[in-house]
Amino acid sequence: METVTGGARGHPRRLVVAFDGSPSSQRALSVAVAWARSWAAEELRVIHVVQEPRDRVEPTTEEEQESLHHQEEEALKAVALEASREGIHVSTILREGDPVPTILGEIQSWSPDLVLVGTRGLSWPAKVLLGSVSSGILASSRVPVVVVP
């Protein structure tokens, strides 16, 4: 078994949590915040990837797209504020694209000690057993991944 290296008592110091606003990702974030606090983590990064549903053409106007982007940014700011109240250094990343390769790219470029994901996201096909994003990250990540139910 591979040992996770890092901070105090060998605990991970750099954590990433994939966040899409779903109840499962909310739980993963809560676990990440608790662990980051108890382990005196160096940083917690919260990654949110916006992907347009393939069966939907909305938003259609640039104003609607900007409004959605603004809502996503505000949600991440709220997440960061809540975690920072716990004394944790938090950074947020908002990207557009396919969630699995985008999140894996962020993981590769930052080299965290641990990644946390929820079991299922907001998309309806992912609501069976393990979601497509969490299973994709679990299958391809080169760092340990914790899947939070």
N, C-alpha and C. Protein backbone atom coordinates (compact mmCIF):
# COMPACT_ATOMS: atom_id res chain seq x y z
N MET A 1 0.84 -1.18 0.00
CA MET A 1 0.00 0.00 0.00
C MET A 1 0.88 1.24 0.00
N GLU A 2 0.51 2.19 -0.83
CA GLU A 2 1.28 3.43 -0.94
C GLU A 2 0.98 4.34 0.23
N THR A 3 2.01 4.94 0.82
CA THR A 3 1.84 5.86 1.93
C THR A 3 1.66 7.26 1.39
N VAL A 4 0.66 7.96 1.92
CA VAL A 4 0.44 9.35 1.54
C VAL A 4 1.38 10.19 2.40
N THR A 5 2.21 10.99 1.74
CA THR A 5 3.15 11.82 2.47
C THR A 5 2.57 13.20 2.67
N GLY A 6 3.16 13.94 3.53
CA GLY A 6 2.66 15.29 3.70
C GLY A 6 3.05 15.90 5.02
N GLY A 7 2.07 16.51 5.67
CA GLY A 7 2.29 17.36 6.81
C GLY A 7 2.42 16.65 8.13
N ALA A 8 1.79 17.27 9.12
CA ALA A 8 1.88 16.78 10.49
C ALA A 8 1.55 15.30 10.56
N ARG A 9 2.43 14.55 11.21
CA ARG A 9 2.25 13.11 11.39
C ARG A 9 2.09 12.39 10.05
N GLY A 10 2.68 12.93 9.00
CA GLY A 10 2.62 12.27 7.70
C GLY A 10 1.30 12.41 6.96
N HIS A 11 0.43 13.27 7.43
CA HIS A 11 -0.86 13.47 6.77
C HIS A 11 -0.70 14.32 5.51
N PRO A 12 -1.63 14.17 4.59
CA PRO A 12 -1.59 15.00 3.37
C PRO A 12 -1.63 16.48 3.70
N ARG A 13 -0.87 17.25 2.95
CA ARG A 13 -0.83 18.71 3.16
C ARG A 13 -1.52 19.46 2.04
N ARG A 14 -1.65 18.84 0.90
CA ARG A 14 -2.27 19.50 -0.26
C ARG A 14 -3.43 18.63 -0.71
N LEU A 15 -4.64 19.14 -0.52
CA LEU A 15 -5.84 18.38 -0.84
C LEU A 15 -6.60 19.06 -1.98
N VAL A 16 -7.21 18.25 -2.80
CA VAL A 16 -8.08 18.72 -3.87
C VAL A 16 -9.44 18.08 -3.67
N VAL A 17 -10.49 18.86 -3.85
CA VAL A 17 -11.84 18.30 -3.85
C VAL A 17 -12.54 18.76 -5.13
N ALA A 18 -13.13 17.79 -5.83
CA ALA A 18 -13.93 18.09 -7.02
C ALA A 18 -15.33 18.44 -6.53
N PHE A 19 -15.83 19.59 -6.96
CA PHE A 19 -17.08 20.12 -6.43
C PHE A 19 -18.01 20.53 -7.56
N ASP A 20 -19.24 19.99 -7.53
CA ASP A 20 -20.23 20.41 -8.53
C ASP A 20 -21.52 20.91 -7.91
N GLY A 21 -21.55 21.04 -6.59
CA GLY A 21 -22.73 21.52 -5.91
C GLY A 21 -23.72 20.43 -5.54
N SER A 22 -23.49 19.21 -5.98
CA SER A 22 -24.38 18.10 -5.65
C SER A 22 -24.24 17.74 -4.17
N PRO A 23 -25.24 17.07 -3.61
CA PRO A 23 -25.12 16.65 -2.20
C PRO A 23 -23.87 15.80 -1.96
N SER A 24 -23.53 14.95 -2.89
CA SER A 24 -22.35 14.10 -2.74
C SER A 24 -21.07 14.93 -2.72
N SER A 25 -20.98 15.93 -3.59
CA SER A 25 -19.77 16.77 -3.59
C SER A 25 -19.75 17.68 -2.36
N GLN A 26 -20.92 18.05 -1.84
CA GLN A 26 -20.97 18.82 -0.60
C GLN A 26 -20.39 18.01 0.55
N ARG A 27 -20.73 16.71 0.58
CA ARG A 27 -20.19 15.84 1.63
C ARG A 27 -18.68 15.67 1.46
N ALA A 28 -18.22 15.52 0.23
CA ALA A 28 -16.77 15.41 -0.02
C ALA A 28 -16.06 16.68 0.44
N LEU A 29 -16.66 17.82 0.18
CA LEU A 29 -16.08 19.09 0.63
C LEU A 29 -16.04 19.16 2.15
N SER A 30 -17.09 18.75 2.82
CA SER A 30 -17.12 18.76 4.28
C SER A 30 -16.02 17.88 4.86
N VAL A 31 -15.83 16.70 4.28
CA VAL A 31 -14.76 15.81 4.73
C VAL A 31 -13.41 16.45 4.48
N ALA A 32 -13.23 17.04 3.30
CA ALA A 32 -11.95 17.68 2.96
C ALA A 32 -11.63 18.82 3.93
N VAL A 33 -12.64 19.63 4.27
CA VAL A 33 -12.43 20.73 5.20
C VAL A 33 -12.05 20.19 6.58
N ALA A 34 -12.76 19.19 7.04
CA ALA A 34 -12.45 18.60 8.36
C ALA A 34 -11.05 18.02 8.39
N TRP A 35 -10.68 17.28 7.35
CA TRP A 35 -9.34 16.70 7.31
C TRP A 35 -8.27 17.78 7.19
N ALA A 36 -8.51 18.76 6.35
CA ALA A 36 -7.53 19.84 6.17
C ALA A 36 -7.28 20.56 7.49
N ARG A 37 -8.35 20.78 8.24
CA ARG A 37 -8.22 21.44 9.54
C ARG A 37 -7.45 20.57 10.53
N SER A 38 -7.84 19.31 10.65
CA SER A 38 -7.20 18.44 11.65
C SER A 38 -5.77 18.08 11.27
N TRP A 39 -5.47 18.10 9.98
CA TRP A 39 -4.11 17.77 9.54
C TRP A 39 -3.23 18.99 9.35
N ALA A 40 -3.75 20.17 9.62
CA ALA A 40 -3.01 21.41 9.38
C ALA A 40 -2.49 21.46 7.95
N ALA A 41 -3.39 21.21 7.01
CA ALA A 41 -3.02 21.16 5.60
C ALA A 41 -2.51 22.52 5.11
N GLU A 42 -1.62 22.46 4.17
CA GLU A 42 -1.06 23.65 3.54
C GLU A 42 -2.11 24.38 2.71
N GLU A 43 -2.89 23.61 1.95
CA GLU A 43 -3.89 24.22 1.08
C GLU A 43 -4.95 23.20 0.67
N LEU A 44 -6.15 23.70 0.52
CA LEU A 44 -7.26 22.93 -0.03
C LEU A 44 -7.70 23.62 -1.31
N ARG A 45 -7.67 22.88 -2.40
CA ARG A 45 -8.14 23.42 -3.68
C ARG A 45 -9.48 22.80 -4.02
N VAL A 46 -10.41 23.65 -4.36
CA VAL A 46 -11.75 23.24 -4.75
C VAL A 46 -11.88 23.49 -6.25
N ILE A 47 -12.11 22.41 -6.99
CA ILE A 47 -12.19 22.51 -8.45
C ILE A 47 -13.63 22.27 -8.89
N HIS A 48 -14.13 23.20 -9.68
CA HIS A 48 -15.47 23.05 -10.26
C HIS A 48 -15.34 23.18 -11.77
N VAL A 49 -15.87 22.20 -12.48
CA VAL A 49 -15.81 22.23 -13.95
C VAL A 49 -17.23 22.34 -14.48
N VAL A 50 -17.45 23.38 -15.27
CA VAL A 50 -18.77 23.61 -15.88
C VAL A 50 -18.80 22.89 -17.21
N GLN A 51 -19.78 22.03 -17.35
CA GLN A 51 -19.97 21.32 -18.62
C GLN A 51 -21.43 21.48 -19.01
N GLU A 52 -21.64 21.97 -20.20
CA GLU A 52 -23.01 22.08 -20.69
C GLU A 52 -23.59 20.70 -20.92
N PRO A 53 -24.79 20.47 -20.43
CA PRO A 53 -25.43 19.18 -20.73
C PRO A 53 -25.58 19.01 -22.23
N ARG A 54 -25.29 17.82 -22.70
CA ARG A 54 -25.31 17.57 -24.15
C ARG A 54 -26.72 17.62 -24.74
N ASP A 55 -27.72 17.40 -23.89
CA ASP A 55 -29.08 17.40 -24.41
C ASP A 55 -29.77 18.75 -24.23
N ARG A 56 -29.00 19.78 -23.88
CA ARG A 56 -29.56 21.09 -23.63
C ARG A 56 -28.79 22.14 -24.40
N VAL A 57 -29.48 23.10 -24.97
CA VAL A 57 -28.81 24.15 -25.71
C VAL A 57 -28.77 25.46 -24.93
N GLU A 58 -29.42 25.50 -23.78
CA GLU A 58 -29.41 26.70 -22.96
C GLU A 58 -28.12 26.78 -22.18
N PRO A 59 -27.63 27.89 -21.76
CA PRO A 59 -28.14 29.21 -22.09
C PRO A 59 -27.79 29.59 -23.52
N THR A 60 -28.67 30.32 -24.12
CA THR A 60 -28.49 30.62 -25.54
C THR A 60 -27.83 31.97 -25.77
N THR A 61 -28.01 32.91 -24.87
CA THR A 61 -27.43 34.23 -25.09
C THR A 61 -26.15 34.39 -24.28
N GLU A 62 -25.37 35.34 -24.69
CA GLU A 62 -24.13 35.63 -23.97
C GLU A 62 -24.43 36.11 -22.55
N GLU A 63 -25.52 36.88 -22.39
CA GLU A 63 -25.92 37.34 -21.06
C GLU A 63 -26.26 36.17 -20.15
N GLU A 64 -26.98 35.18 -20.68
CA GLU A 64 -27.32 34.00 -19.88
C GLU A 64 -26.06 33.23 -19.49
N GLN A 65 -25.13 33.10 -20.43
CA GLN A 65 -23.88 32.41 -20.14
C GLN A 65 -23.09 33.14 -19.06
N GLU A 66 -23.01 34.47 -19.17
CA GLU A 66 -22.31 35.26 -18.16
C GLU A 66 -22.98 35.15 -16.80
N SER A 67 -24.31 35.12 -16.79
CA SER A 67 -25.05 34.99 -15.55
C SER A 67 -24.75 33.64 -14.88
N LEU A 68 -24.75 32.57 -15.66
CA LEU A 68 -24.43 31.25 -15.11
C LEU A 68 -23.00 31.20 -14.59
N HIS A 69 -22.08 31.79 -15.35
CA HIS A 69 -20.68 31.83 -14.92
C HIS A 69 -20.55 32.59 -13.60
N HIS A 70 -21.27 33.70 -13.50
CA HIS A 70 -21.24 34.49 -12.27
C HIS A 70 -21.81 33.69 -11.09
N GLN A 71 -22.88 32.95 -11.31
CA GLN A 71 -23.46 32.11 -10.26
C GLN A 71 -22.47 31.06 -9.79
N GLU A 72 -21.76 30.44 -10.73
CA GLU A 72 -20.75 29.44 -10.38
C GLU A 72 -19.63 30.06 -9.56
N GLU A 73 -19.17 31.25 -9.98
CA GLU A 73 -18.11 31.94 -9.23
C GLU A 73 -18.56 32.28 -7.82
N GLU A 74 -19.79 32.76 -7.68
CA GLU A 74 -20.32 33.11 -6.36
C GLU A 74 -20.43 31.88 -5.46
N ALA A 75 -20.85 30.75 -6.03
CA ALA A 75 -20.93 29.51 -5.25
C ALA A 75 -19.56 29.10 -4.74
N LEU A 76 -18.54 29.22 -5.60
CA LEU A 76 -17.18 28.87 -5.17
C LEU A 76 -16.65 29.85 -4.12
N LYS A 77 -16.98 31.12 -4.26
CA LYS A 77 -16.57 32.10 -3.24
C LYS A 77 -17.17 31.75 -1.89
N ALA A 78 -18.44 31.34 -1.89
CA ALA A 78 -19.10 30.95 -0.63
C ALA A 78 -18.42 29.73 -0.02
N VAL A 79 -18.04 28.77 -0.85
CA VAL A 79 -17.33 27.58 -0.38
C VAL A 79 -16.00 27.98 0.25
N ALA A 80 -15.27 28.84 -0.44
CA ALA A 80 -13.96 29.28 0.06
C ALA A 80 -14.10 30.06 1.37
N LEU A 81 -15.11 30.91 1.46
CA LEU A 81 -15.32 31.68 2.67
C LEU A 81 -15.63 30.77 3.85
N GLU A 82 -16.48 29.79 3.63
CA GLU A 82 -16.84 28.86 4.70
C GLU A 82 -15.62 28.08 5.19
N ALA A 83 -14.81 27.60 4.26
CA ALA A 83 -13.61 26.84 4.65
C ALA A 83 -12.57 27.75 5.31
N SER A 84 -12.44 28.97 4.83
CA SER A 84 -11.45 29.88 5.43
C SER A 84 -11.84 30.24 6.86
N ARG A 85 -13.13 30.22 7.17
CA ARG A 85 -13.56 30.45 8.56
C ARG A 85 -13.07 29.35 9.49
N GLU A 86 -12.76 28.20 8.90
CA GLU A 86 -12.21 27.08 9.67
C GLU A 86 -10.69 27.19 9.79
N GLY A 87 -10.11 28.27 9.26
CA GLY A 87 -8.67 28.47 9.33
C GLY A 87 -7.89 27.76 8.25
N ILE A 88 -8.55 27.43 7.17
CA ILE A 88 -7.92 26.67 6.09
C ILE A 88 -7.64 27.60 4.91
N HIS A 89 -6.44 27.45 4.35
CA HIS A 89 -6.11 28.19 3.14
C HIS A 89 -6.79 27.49 1.97
N VAL A 90 -7.70 28.19 1.31
CA VAL A 90 -8.49 27.60 0.23
C VAL A 90 -8.28 28.38 -1.05
N SER A 91 -8.13 27.65 -2.13
CA SER A 91 -8.16 28.28 -3.45
C SER A 91 -9.24 27.57 -4.26
N THR A 92 -9.86 28.32 -5.14
CA THR A 92 -10.92 27.75 -5.97
C THR A 92 -10.53 27.87 -7.43
N ILE A 93 -10.94 26.88 -8.18
CA ILE A 93 -10.65 26.84 -9.62
C ILE A 93 -11.95 26.57 -10.34
N LEU A 94 -12.29 27.44 -11.27
CA LEU A 94 -13.47 27.27 -12.10
C LEU A 94 -13.02 27.12 -13.55
N ARG A 95 -13.36 25.99 -14.13
CA ARG A 95 -12.98 25.70 -15.51
C ARG A 95 -14.21 25.30 -16.32
N GLU A 96 -14.10 25.38 -17.61
CA GLU A 96 -15.13 24.88 -18.50
C GLU A 96 -14.54 23.73 -19.28
N GLY A 97 -15.35 22.71 -19.53
CA GLY A 97 -14.87 21.59 -20.32
C GLY A 97 -15.40 20.26 -19.82
N ASP A 98 -14.75 19.22 -20.24
CA ASP A 98 -15.09 17.86 -19.82
C ASP A 98 -14.50 17.66 -18.42
N PRO A 99 -15.32 17.36 -17.42
CA PRO A 99 -14.82 17.32 -16.04
C PRO A 99 -13.65 16.38 -15.78
N VAL A 100 -13.70 15.15 -16.27
CA VAL A 100 -12.64 14.19 -15.93
C VAL A 100 -11.27 14.65 -16.41
N PRO A 101 -11.06 14.90 -17.70
CA PRO A 101 -9.71 15.33 -18.11
C PRO A 101 -9.31 16.69 -17.53
N THR A 102 -10.29 17.56 -17.32
CA THR A 102 -9.96 18.87 -16.75
C THR A 102 -9.49 18.73 -15.32
N ILE A 103 -10.19 17.95 -14.51
CA ILE A 103 -9.79 17.74 -13.12
C ILE A 103 -8.46 16.99 -13.05
N LEU A 104 -8.31 15.98 -13.89
CA LEU A 104 -7.04 15.23 -13.91
C LEU A 104 -5.88 16.14 -14.31
N GLY A 105 -6.11 17.06 -15.22
CA GLY A 105 -5.08 18.02 -15.60
C GLY A 105 -4.67 18.91 -14.44
N GLU A 106 -5.66 19.36 -13.68
CA GLU A 106 -5.36 20.19 -12.49
C GLU A 106 -4.60 19.37 -11.45
N ILE A 107 -4.99 18.12 -11.28
CA ILE A 107 -4.29 17.24 -10.34
C ILE A 107 -2.84 17.06 -10.77
N GLN A 108 -2.63 16.83 -12.05
CA GLN A 108 -1.28 16.62 -12.55
C GLN A 108 -0.43 17.88 -12.40
N SER A 109 -1.00 19.04 -12.67
CA SER A 109 -0.20 20.26 -12.62
C SER A 109 0.11 20.71 -11.19
N TRP A 110 -0.75 20.40 -10.22
CA TRP A 110 -0.53 20.86 -8.85
C TRP A 110 0.09 19.78 -7.96
N SER A 111 -0.07 18.53 -8.30
CA SER A 111 0.47 17.41 -7.52
C SER A 111 0.03 17.41 -6.06
N PRO A 112 -1.28 17.30 -5.83
CA PRO A 112 -1.74 17.22 -4.44
C PRO A 112 -1.37 15.88 -3.82
N ASP A 113 -1.52 15.80 -2.50
CA ASP A 113 -1.28 14.55 -1.79
C ASP A 113 -2.51 13.66 -1.77
N LEU A 114 -3.69 14.27 -1.91
CA LEU A 114 -4.94 13.53 -1.81
C LEU A 114 -6.04 14.25 -2.58
N VAL A 115 -6.91 13.47 -3.22
CA VAL A 115 -8.05 14.01 -3.96
C VAL A 115 -9.32 13.43 -3.35
N LEU A 116 -10.33 14.27 -3.18
CA LEU A 116 -11.63 13.81 -2.68
C LEU A 116 -12.69 14.11 -3.71
N VAL A 117 -13.56 13.13 -3.94
CA VAL A 117 -14.68 13.29 -4.87
C VAL A 117 -15.92 12.68 -4.23
N GLY A 118 -17.06 13.13 -4.68
CA GLY A 118 -18.31 12.52 -4.25
C GLY A 118 -18.63 11.33 -5.12
N THR A 119 -19.60 10.54 -4.70
CA THR A 119 -19.94 9.35 -5.48
C THR A 119 -20.71 9.69 -6.74
N ARG A 120 -21.60 10.66 -6.67
CA ARG A 120 -22.44 10.98 -7.82
C ARG A 120 -22.59 12.48 -7.92
N GLY A 121 -22.69 12.95 -9.17
CA GLY A 121 -22.86 14.38 -9.40
C GLY A 121 -24.28 14.74 -9.74
N LEU A 122 -24.42 15.87 -10.40
CA LEU A 122 -25.74 16.39 -10.71
C LEU A 122 -26.35 15.84 -11.98
N SER A 123 -25.56 15.24 -12.84
CA SER A 123 -26.12 14.77 -14.11
C SER A 123 -26.92 13.49 -13.90
N TRP A 124 -28.05 13.38 -14.57
CA TRP A 124 -28.94 12.23 -14.31
C TRP A 124 -28.35 10.88 -14.67
N PRO A 125 -27.53 10.74 -15.73
CA PRO A 125 -26.99 9.40 -15.98
C PRO A 125 -26.00 8.95 -14.92
N ALA A 126 -25.44 9.89 -14.17
CA ALA A 126 -24.43 9.55 -13.18
C ALA A 126 -25.04 9.13 -11.85
N LYS A 127 -26.35 9.06 -11.77
CA LYS A 127 -26.99 8.76 -10.50
C LYS A 127 -27.15 7.27 -10.24
N VAL A 128 -26.28 6.48 -10.79
CA VAL A 128 -26.27 5.05 -10.49
C VAL A 128 -24.90 4.69 -9.95
N LEU A 129 -24.89 3.99 -8.83
CA LEU A 129 -23.66 3.53 -8.18
C LEU A 129 -22.60 4.61 -8.10
N LEU A 130 -21.55 4.49 -8.86
CA LEU A 130 -20.46 5.46 -8.83
C LEU A 130 -20.59 6.35 -10.06
N GLY A 131 -20.57 7.65 -9.88
CA GLY A 131 -20.73 8.58 -10.99
C GLY A 131 -19.60 8.49 -12.00
N SER A 132 -19.88 8.97 -13.20
CA SER A 132 -18.89 8.90 -14.27
C SER A 132 -17.66 9.74 -13.98
N VAL A 133 -17.83 10.91 -13.36
CA VAL A 133 -16.67 11.75 -13.04
C VAL A 133 -15.84 11.11 -11.94
N SER A 134 -16.48 10.69 -10.86
CA SER A 134 -15.71 10.08 -9.77
C SER A 134 -15.02 8.80 -10.22
N SER A 135 -15.70 7.98 -11.03
CA SER A 135 -15.05 6.75 -11.49
C SER A 135 -13.91 7.05 -12.46
N GLY A 136 -14.05 8.08 -13.28
CA GLY A 136 -12.98 8.46 -14.20
C GLY A 136 -11.75 8.96 -13.46
N ILE A 137 -11.97 9.76 -12.43
CA ILE A 137 -10.85 10.27 -11.63
C ILE A 137 -10.20 9.13 -10.85
N LEU A 138 -11.02 8.29 -10.26
CA LEU A 138 -10.51 7.14 -9.51
C LEU A 138 -9.66 6.22 -10.39
N ALA A 139 -10.11 6.01 -11.61
CA ALA A 139 -9.39 5.10 -12.53
C ALA A 139 -8.09 5.69 -13.05
N SER A 140 -8.00 7.02 -13.15
CA SER A 140 -6.85 7.62 -13.86
C SER A 140 -5.93 8.47 -13.00
N SER A 141 -6.31 8.78 -11.79
CA SER A 141 -5.47 9.66 -10.96
C SER A 141 -4.20 8.94 -10.55
N ARG A 142 -3.12 9.70 -10.51
CA ARG A 142 -1.83 9.15 -10.06
C ARG A 142 -1.57 9.43 -8.59
N VAL A 143 -2.54 10.10 -7.95
CA VAL A 143 -2.45 10.32 -6.50
C VAL A 143 -3.65 9.64 -5.85
N PRO A 144 -3.57 9.35 -4.55
CA PRO A 144 -4.70 8.67 -3.89
C PRO A 144 -5.99 9.48 -3.99
N VAL A 145 -7.09 8.76 -4.16
CA VAL A 145 -8.42 9.35 -4.28
C VAL A 145 -9.33 8.74 -3.22
N VAL A 146 -10.06 9.60 -2.53
CA VAL A 146 -11.06 9.16 -1.58
C VAL A 146 -12.42 9.48 -2.18
N VAL A 147 -13.27 8.47 -2.30
CA VAL A 147 -14.63 8.67 -2.80
C VAL A 147 -15.56 8.73 -1.59
N VAL A 148 -16.22 9.87 -1.43
CA VAL A 148 -17.09 10.10 -0.28
C VAL A 148 -18.53 9.82 -0.69
N PRO A 149 -19.20 8.90 0.01
CA PRO A 149 -20.60 8.59 -0.37
C PRO A 149 -21.56 9.72 -0.06
